[in-house]
Amino acid sequence: MAQEVPAATSAASAASAKVPMDSIAAVLRRERGRAGLSLTEVARRAGIAKSTLSQLESGSGNPSLETLWSLCVTLDVPPSRLLDPPRPRVHVIRADEGVTLASAQADYQAAMLSAGPPGARRDIYRLTAEPGAVRASDPHMPGVVEHVVLATGRARVGLADDPVELRPGDYVAYPGDLPHIFEALEPSTRAVLISEHN
């Protein structure tokens, strides 16, 4: 027969459970970085001392429920993420997989590899292109920057009025909010495109 534990004893046992400070510290640092906020600004918005936040981010200190709650509200993070952070996931998309869209202008395809998760400002695509027509892109939203790394083949990539020739391993970044192109110069040209949003 199970023995009943008095409520006061049960509450004391729960309170004595170790707070996962290493986990809390890592999540606070990561989420503050994602938000692009300084230690001082997060402390100000949360209504806590900067030294308190600094201690928490270093894995020391003994935060109250109110302190953690205020930080969660400030960083737009559910409290559960601080106490039980999500486990890392491995996500694999093989070379012939992924949702792929084809251009109507050129022999050019873009396969979505990763949409920017909440808080991130980037999307990742795998590009495949063949020589022939140029893939011309109209300007995207203000502040967009595109990053291209060429994997195979050769291509002219970048601003429509001043593209650069890329060879395998070459990288280029250019404003995606201006007219830009991707022109394959060799068969089986492949690249990775990262579209960074502001």
C-alpha atoms as a PDB file:
ATOM      1  CA  MET A   1       0.000   0.000   0.000  1.00  0.00           C
ATOM      2  CA  ALA A   2       1.411   3.391  -1.004  1.00  0.00           C
ATOM      3  CA  GLN A   3       2.155   5.767   1.812  1.00  0.00           C
ATOM      4  CA  GLU A   4       0.675   9.253   1.501  1.00  0.00           C
ATOM      5  CA  VAL A   5       3.193  12.101   1.633  1.00  0.00           C
ATOM      6  CA  PRO A   6       2.072  15.252   3.438  1.00  0.00           C
ATOM      7  CA  ALA A   7       1.630  18.237   1.098  1.00  0.00           C
ATOM      8  CA  ALA A   8       4.271  20.314   2.897  1.00  0.00           C
ATOM      9  CA  THR A   9       6.871  17.543   2.535  1.00  0.00           C
ATOM     10  CA  SER A  10       5.991  17.072  -1.136  1.00  0.00           C
ATOM     11  CA  ALA A  11       6.371  20.809  -1.815  1.00  0.00           C
ATOM     12  CA  ALA A  12       9.717  20.878   0.001  1.00  0.00           C
ATOM     13  CA  SER A  13      10.963  17.932  -2.086  1.00  0.00           C
ATOM     14  CA  ALA A  14       9.905  19.621  -5.305  1.00  0.00           C
ATOM     15  CA  ALA A  15      11.608  22.861  -4.237  1.00  0.00           C
ATOM     16  CA  SER A  16      14.820  21.010  -3.464  1.00  0.00           C
ATOM     17  CA  ALA A  17      15.008  19.585  -7.008  1.00  0.00           C
ATOM     18  CA  LYS A  18      18.104  21.035  -8.659  1.00  0.00           C
ATOM     19  CA  VAL A  19      17.423  23.914 -11.029  1.00  0.00           C
ATOM     20  CA  PRO A  20      19.215  23.123 -14.348  1.00  0.00           C
ATOM     21  CA  MET A  21      21.419  26.230 -14.286  1.00  0.00           C
ATOM     22  CA  ASP A  22      23.733  25.103 -17.105  1.00  0.00           C
ATOM     23  CA  SER A  23      20.732  24.643 -19.367  1.00  0.00           C
ATOM     24  CA  ILE A  24      19.147  27.938 -18.298  1.00  0.00           C
ATOM     25  CA  ALA A  25      22.446  29.771 -18.868  1.00  0.00           C
ATOM     26  CA  ALA A  26      22.893  28.328 -22.368  1.00  0.00           C
ATOM     27  CA  VAL A  27      19.314  29.117 -23.407  1.00  0.00           C
ATOM     28  CA  LEU A  28      19.489  32.675 -22.035  1.00  0.00           C
ATOM     29  CA  ARG A  29      22.728  33.386 -23.913  1.00  0.00           C
ATOM     30  CA  ARG A  30      21.406  31.854 -27.141  1.00  0.00           C
ATOM     31  CA  GLU A  31      18.030  33.614 -27.035  1.00  0.00           C
ATOM     32  CA  ARG A  32      19.567  36.978 -26.139  1.00  0.00           C
ATOM     33  CA  GLY A  33      21.901  36.568 -29.115  1.00  0.00           C
ATOM     34  CA  ARG A  34      19.015  35.668 -31.414  1.00  0.00           C
ATOM     35  CA  ALA A  35      17.120  38.735 -30.231  1.00  0.00           C
ATOM     36  CA  GLY A  36      20.211  40.859 -30.942  1.00  0.00           C
ATOM     37  CA  LEU A  37      20.026  42.462 -27.495  1.00  0.00           C
ATOM     38  CA  SER A  38      22.822  43.420 -25.130  1.00  0.00           C
ATOM     39  CA  LEU A  39      23.024  42.158 -21.561  1.00  0.00           C
ATOM     40  CA  THR A  40      22.183  45.665 -20.379  1.00  0.00           C
ATOM     41  CA  GLU A  41      19.105  45.950 -22.604  1.00  0.00           C
ATOM     42  CA  VAL A  42      17.667  42.557 -21.608  1.00  0.00           C
ATOM     43  CA  ALA A  43      18.198  43.345 -17.919  1.00  0.00           C
ATOM     44  CA  ARG A  44      16.527  46.739 -18.351  1.00  0.00           C
ATOM     45  CA  ARG A  45      13.520  45.297 -20.195  1.00  0.00           C
ATOM     46  CA  ALA A  46      13.159  42.462 -17.687  1.00  0.00           C
ATOM     47  CA  GLY A  47      13.459  44.825 -14.717  1.00  0.00           C
ATOM     48  CA  ILE A  48      16.387  42.967 -13.148  1.00  0.00           C
ATOM     49  CA  ALA A  49      19.946  43.942 -12.302  1.00  0.00           C
ATOM     50  CA  LYS A  50      22.521  43.483 -15.049  1.00  0.00           C
ATOM     51  CA  SER A  51      24.709  41.596 -12.546  1.00  0.00           C
ATOM     52  CA  THR A  52      21.841  39.149 -11.916  1.00  0.00           C
ATOM     53  CA  LEU A  53      21.497  38.422 -15.629  1.00  0.00           C
ATOM     54  CA  SER A  54      25.266  38.105 -15.965  1.00  0.00           C
ATOM     55  CA  GLN A  55      25.313  35.529 -13.148  1.00  0.00           C
ATOM     56  CA  LEU A  56      22.452  33.584 -14.714  1.00  0.00           C
ATOM     57  CA  GLU A  57      24.160  33.530 -18.108  1.00  0.00           C
ATOM     58  CA  SER A  58      27.334  32.231 -16.463  1.00  0.00           C
ATOM     59  CA  GLY A  59      25.405  29.389 -14.817  1.00  0.00           C
ATOM     60  CA  SER A  60      25.535  30.707 -11.268  1.00  0.00           C
ATOM     61  CA  GLY A  61      22.913  32.419  -9.162  1.00  0.00           C
ATOM     62  CA  ASN A  62      19.606  31.206  -7.826  1.00  0.00           C
ATOM     63  CA  PRO A  63      16.829  32.728  -9.948  1.00  0.00           C
ATOM     64  CA  SER A  64      13.342  33.205  -8.601  1.00  0.00           C
ATOM     65  CA  LEU A  65      10.309  32.193 -10.598  1.00  0.00           C
ATOM     66  CA  GLU A  66       9.572  35.891 -11.128  1.00  0.00           C
ATOM     67  CA  THR A  67      13.043  36.580 -12.520  1.00  0.00           C
ATOM     68  CA  LEU A  68      12.851  33.673 -14.962  1.00  0.00           C
ATOM     69  CA  TRP A  69       9.314  34.617 -15.974  1.00  0.00           C
ATOM     70  CA  SER A  70      10.353  38.212 -16.652  1.00  0.00           C
ATOM     71  CA  LEU A  71      13.292  37.047 -18.778  1.00  0.00           C
ATOM     72  CA  CYS A  72      11.033  34.677 -20.732  1.00  0.00           C
ATOM     73  CA  VAL A  73       8.597  37.504 -21.473  1.00  0.00           C
ATOM     74  CA  THR A  74      11.447  39.823 -22.498  1.00  0.00           C
ATOM     75  CA  LEU A  75      13.025  37.216 -24.803  1.00  0.00           C
ATOM     76  CA  ASP A  76       9.682  35.813 -26.034  1.00  0.00           C
ATOM     77  CA  VAL A  77      10.635  32.318 -24.881  1.00  0.00           C
ATOM     78  CA  PRO A  78       8.312  29.849 -23.142  1.00  0.00           C
ATOM     79  CA  PRO A  79       9.516  28.999 -19.604  1.00  0.00           C
ATOM     80  CA  SER A  80       9.623  25.323 -20.534  1.00  0.00           C
ATOM     81  CA  ARG A  81      12.487  26.071 -22.941  1.00  0.00           C
ATOM     82  CA  LEU A  82      14.604  27.296 -20.023  1.00  0.00           C
ATOM     83  CA  LEU A  83      13.873  24.318 -17.805  1.00  0.00           C
ATOM     84  CA  ASP A  84      13.680  21.587 -20.426  1.00  0.00           C
ATOM     85  CA  PRO A  85      15.287  22.850 -23.645  1.00  0.00           C
ATOM     86  CA  PRO A  86      14.449  21.059 -26.886  1.00  0.00           C
ATOM     87  CA  ARG A  87      16.867  18.332 -27.836  1.00  0.00           C
ATOM     88  CA  PRO A  88      18.973  18.992 -30.941  1.00  0.00           C
ATOM     89  CA  ARG A  89      17.514  17.469 -34.097  1.00  0.00           C
ATOM     90  CA  VAL A  90      19.414  16.276 -37.081  1.00  0.00           C
ATOM     91  CA  HIS A  91      17.627  17.078 -40.334  1.00  0.00           C
ATOM     92  CA  VAL A  92      18.931  15.515 -43.556  1.00  0.00           C
ATOM     93  CA  ILE A  93      17.773  16.270 -47.103  1.00  0.00           C
ATOM     94  CA  ARG A  94      19.474  14.073 -49.697  1.00  0.00           C
ATOM     95  CA  ALA A  95      20.739  15.493 -53.003  1.00  0.00           C
ATOM     96  CA  ASP A  96      17.643  14.389 -54.964  1.00  0.00           C
ATOM     97  CA  GLU A  97      15.093  15.372 -52.295  1.00  0.00           C
ATOM     98  CA  GLY A  98      13.407  18.560 -51.143  1.00  0.00           C
ATOM     99  CA  VAL A  99      10.579  20.752 -52.354  1.00  0.00           C
ATOM    100  CA  THR A 100      11.870  22.095 -55.666  1.00  0.00           C
ATOM    101  CA  LEU A 101      10.606  24.982 -57.773  1.00  0.00           C
ATOM    102  CA  ALA A 102      11.631  25.431 -61.403  1.00  0.00           C
ATOM    103  CA  SER A 103      12.183  28.721 -63.200  1.00  0.00           C
ATOM    104  CA  ALA A 104      10.038  29.559 -66.208  1.00  0.00           C
ATOM    105  CA  GLN A 105      12.900  31.697 -67.628  1.00  0.00           C
ATOM    106  CA  ALA A 106      15.872  29.332 -67.503  1.00  0.00           C
ATOM    107  CA  ASP A 107      16.945  25.756 -66.766  1.00  0.00           C
ATOM    108  CA  TYR A 108      17.212  26.638 -63.090  1.00  0.00           C
ATOM    109  CA  GLN A 109      15.753  24.966 -59.991  1.00  0.00           C
ATOM    110  CA  ALA A 110      15.726  25.984 -56.328  1.00  0.00           C
ATOM    111  CA  ALA A 111      15.143  23.344 -53.657  1.00  0.00           C
ATOM    112  CA  MET A 112      14.226  24.664 -50.199  1.00  0.00           C
ATOM    113  CA  LEU A 113      16.606  23.095 -47.692  1.00  0.00           C
ATOM    114  CA  SER A 114      15.753  25.121 -44.603  1.00  0.00           C
ATOM    115  CA  ALA A 115      13.252  27.876 -43.966  1.00  0.00           C
ATOM    116  CA  GLY A 116      14.354  30.302 -41.291  1.00  0.00           C
ATOM    117  CA  PRO A 117      13.049  29.155 -37.910  1.00  0.00           C
ATOM    118  CA  PRO A 118      11.351  31.692 -35.610  1.00  0.00           C
ATOM    119  CA  GLY A 119      13.873  34.342 -34.701  1.00  0.00           C
ATOM    120  CA  ALA A 120      16.171  33.527 -37.617  1.00  0.00           C
ATOM    121  CA  ARG A 121      16.292  35.665 -40.719  1.00  0.00           C
ATOM    122  CA  ARG A 122      17.489  33.326 -43.433  1.00  0.00           C
ATOM    123  CA  ASP A 123      16.369  30.645 -45.861  1.00  0.00           C
ATOM    124  CA  ILE A 124      18.687  28.074 -47.481  1.00  0.00           C
ATOM    125  CA  TYR A 125      18.294  26.694 -51.024  1.00  0.00           C
ATOM    126  CA  ARG A 126      20.151  24.202 -53.216  1.00  0.00           C
ATOM    127  CA  LEU A 127      20.379  25.509 -56.792  1.00  0.00           C
ATOM    128  CA  THR A 128      20.766  23.463 -59.959  1.00  0.00           C
ATOM    129  CA  ALA A 129      21.212  25.179 -63.292  1.00  0.00           C
ATOM    130  CA  GLU A 130      22.165  24.431 -66.895  1.00  0.00           C
ATOM    131  CA  PRO A 131      23.659  26.742 -69.524  1.00  0.00           C
ATOM    132  CA  GLY A 132      21.221  28.674 -71.677  1.00  0.00           C
ATOM    133  CA  ALA A 133      18.871  31.402 -70.552  1.00  0.00           C
ATOM    134  CA  VAL A 134      19.871  33.639 -67.646  1.00  0.00           C
ATOM    135  CA  ARG A 135      17.815  33.416 -64.451  1.00  0.00           C
ATOM    136  CA  ALA A 136      17.036  37.088 -63.770  1.00  0.00           C
ATOM    137  CA  SER A 137      15.542  37.991 -60.380  1.00  0.00           C
ATOM    138  CA  ASP A 138      13.597  41.123 -59.613  1.00  0.00           C
ATOM    139  CA  PRO A 139      14.541  42.945 -56.404  1.00  0.00           C
ATOM    140  CA  HIS A 140      13.381  41.255 -53.208  1.00  0.00           C
ATOM    141  CA  MET A 141      12.286  42.982 -49.995  1.00  0.00           C
ATOM    142  CA  PRO A 142      14.481  45.872 -48.778  1.00  0.00           C
ATOM    143  CA  GLY A 143      17.531  44.709 -46.867  1.00  0.00           C
ATOM    144  CA  VAL A 144      17.737  41.188 -48.326  1.00  0.00           C
ATOM    145  CA  VAL A 145      21.296  39.928 -48.881  1.00  0.00           C
ATOM    146  CA  GLU A 146      21.950  36.790 -50.904  1.00  0.00           C
ATOM    147  CA  HIS A 147      24.982  34.567 -50.303  1.00  0.00           C
ATOM    148  CA  VAL A 148      25.990  31.990 -52.937  1.00  0.00           C
ATOM    149  CA  VAL A 149      28.629  29.262 -52.692  1.00  0.00           C
ATOM    150  CA  LEU A 150      29.262  27.424 -55.964  1.00  0.00           C
ATOM    151  CA  ALA A 151      29.626  23.659 -55.555  1.00  0.00           C
ATOM    152  CA  THR A 152      30.106  22.440 -59.142  1.00  0.00           C
ATOM    153  CA  GLY A 153      30.321  23.960 -62.612  1.00  0.00           C
ATOM    154  CA  ARG A 154      30.802  27.627 -63.377  1.00  0.00           C
ATOM    155  CA  ALA A 155      28.349  30.527 -63.158  1.00  0.00           C
ATOM    156  CA  ARG A 156      27.944  34.279 -63.432  1.00  0.00           C
ATOM    157  CA  VAL A 157      26.186  35.431 -60.280  1.00  0.00           C
ATOM    158  CA  GLY A 158      25.301  38.698 -58.577  1.00  0.00           C
ATOM    159  CA  LEU A 159      23.994  42.102 -59.493  1.00  0.00           C
ATOM    160  CA  ALA A 160      22.462  42.197 -62.974  1.00  0.00           C
ATOM    161  CA  ASP A 161      24.714  45.051 -64.069  1.00  0.00           C
ATOM    162  CA  ASP A 162      27.912  43.619 -62.536  1.00  0.00           C
ATOM    163  CA  PRO A 163      27.840  39.821 -61.996  1.00  0.00           C
ATOM    164  CA  VAL A 164      30.964  37.877 -61.071  1.00  0.00           C
ATOM    165  CA  GLU A 165      32.140  34.530 -62.407  1.00  0.00           C
ATOM    166  CA  LEU A 166      32.267  31.775 -59.799  1.00  0.00           C
ATOM    167  CA  ARG A 167      34.113  28.463 -59.847  1.00  0.00           C
ATOM    168  CA  PRO A 168      33.670  25.560 -57.401  1.00  0.00           C
ATOM    169  CA  GLY A 169      34.248  26.721 -53.840  1.00  0.00           C
ATOM    170  CA  ASP A 170      33.859  30.425 -54.673  1.00  0.00           C
ATOM    171  CA  TYR A 171      31.517  32.605 -52.609  1.00  0.00           C
ATOM    172  CA  VAL A 172      29.720  35.855 -53.394  1.00  0.00           C
ATOM    173  CA  ALA A 173      27.330  38.065 -51.404  1.00  0.00           C
ATOM    174  CA  TYR A 174      25.243  40.807 -52.984  1.00  0.00           C
ATOM    175  CA  PRO A 175      22.174  42.941 -52.231  1.00  0.00           C
ATOM    176  CA  GLY A 176      19.093  40.881 -53.093  1.00  0.00           C
ATOM    177  CA  ASP A 177      16.981  44.042 -53.080  1.00  0.00           C
ATOM    178  CA  LEU A 178      18.524  45.017 -56.444  1.00  0.00           C
ATOM    179  CA  PRO A 179      18.054  43.178 -59.781  1.00  0.00           C
ATOM    180  CA  HIS A 180      20.340  40.118 -59.824  1.00  0.00           C
ATOM    181  CA  ILE A 181      21.106  37.067 -61.961  1.00  0.00           C
ATOM    182  CA  PHE A 182      22.323  33.486 -61.910  1.00  0.00           C
ATOM    183  CA  GLU A 183      23.709  32.192 -65.228  1.00  0.00           C
ATOM    184  CA  ALA A 184      25.116  28.663 -65.491  1.00  0.00           C
ATOM    185  CA  LEU A 185      28.190  28.538 -67.740  1.00  0.00           C
ATOM    186  CA  GLU A 186      28.743  24.768 -67.549  1.00  0.00           C
ATOM    187  CA  PRO A 187      26.418  21.753 -67.447  1.00  0.00           C
ATOM    188  CA  SER A 188      25.384  20.460 -64.017  1.00  0.00           C
ATOM    189  CA  THR A 189      26.135  23.695 -62.195  1.00  0.00           C
ATOM    190  CA  ARG A 190      25.198  23.422 -58.511  1.00  0.00           C
ATOM    191  CA  ALA A 191      25.244  25.998 -55.720  1.00  0.00           C
ATOM    192  CA  VAL A 192      23.926  26.786 -52.266  1.00  0.00           C
ATOM    193  CA  LEU A 193      22.008  30.043 -51.818  1.00  0.00           C
ATOM    194  CA  ILE A 194      21.358  31.627 -48.439  1.00  0.00           C
ATOM    195  CA  SER A 195      18.827  34.429 -48.486  1.00  0.00           C
ATOM    196  CA  GLU A 196      19.293  36.662 -45.447  1.00  0.00           C
ATOM    197  CA  HIS A 197      16.363  38.909 -44.441  1.00  0.00           C
ATOM    198  CA  ASN A 198      16.448  41.998 -42.233  1.00  0.00           C
END
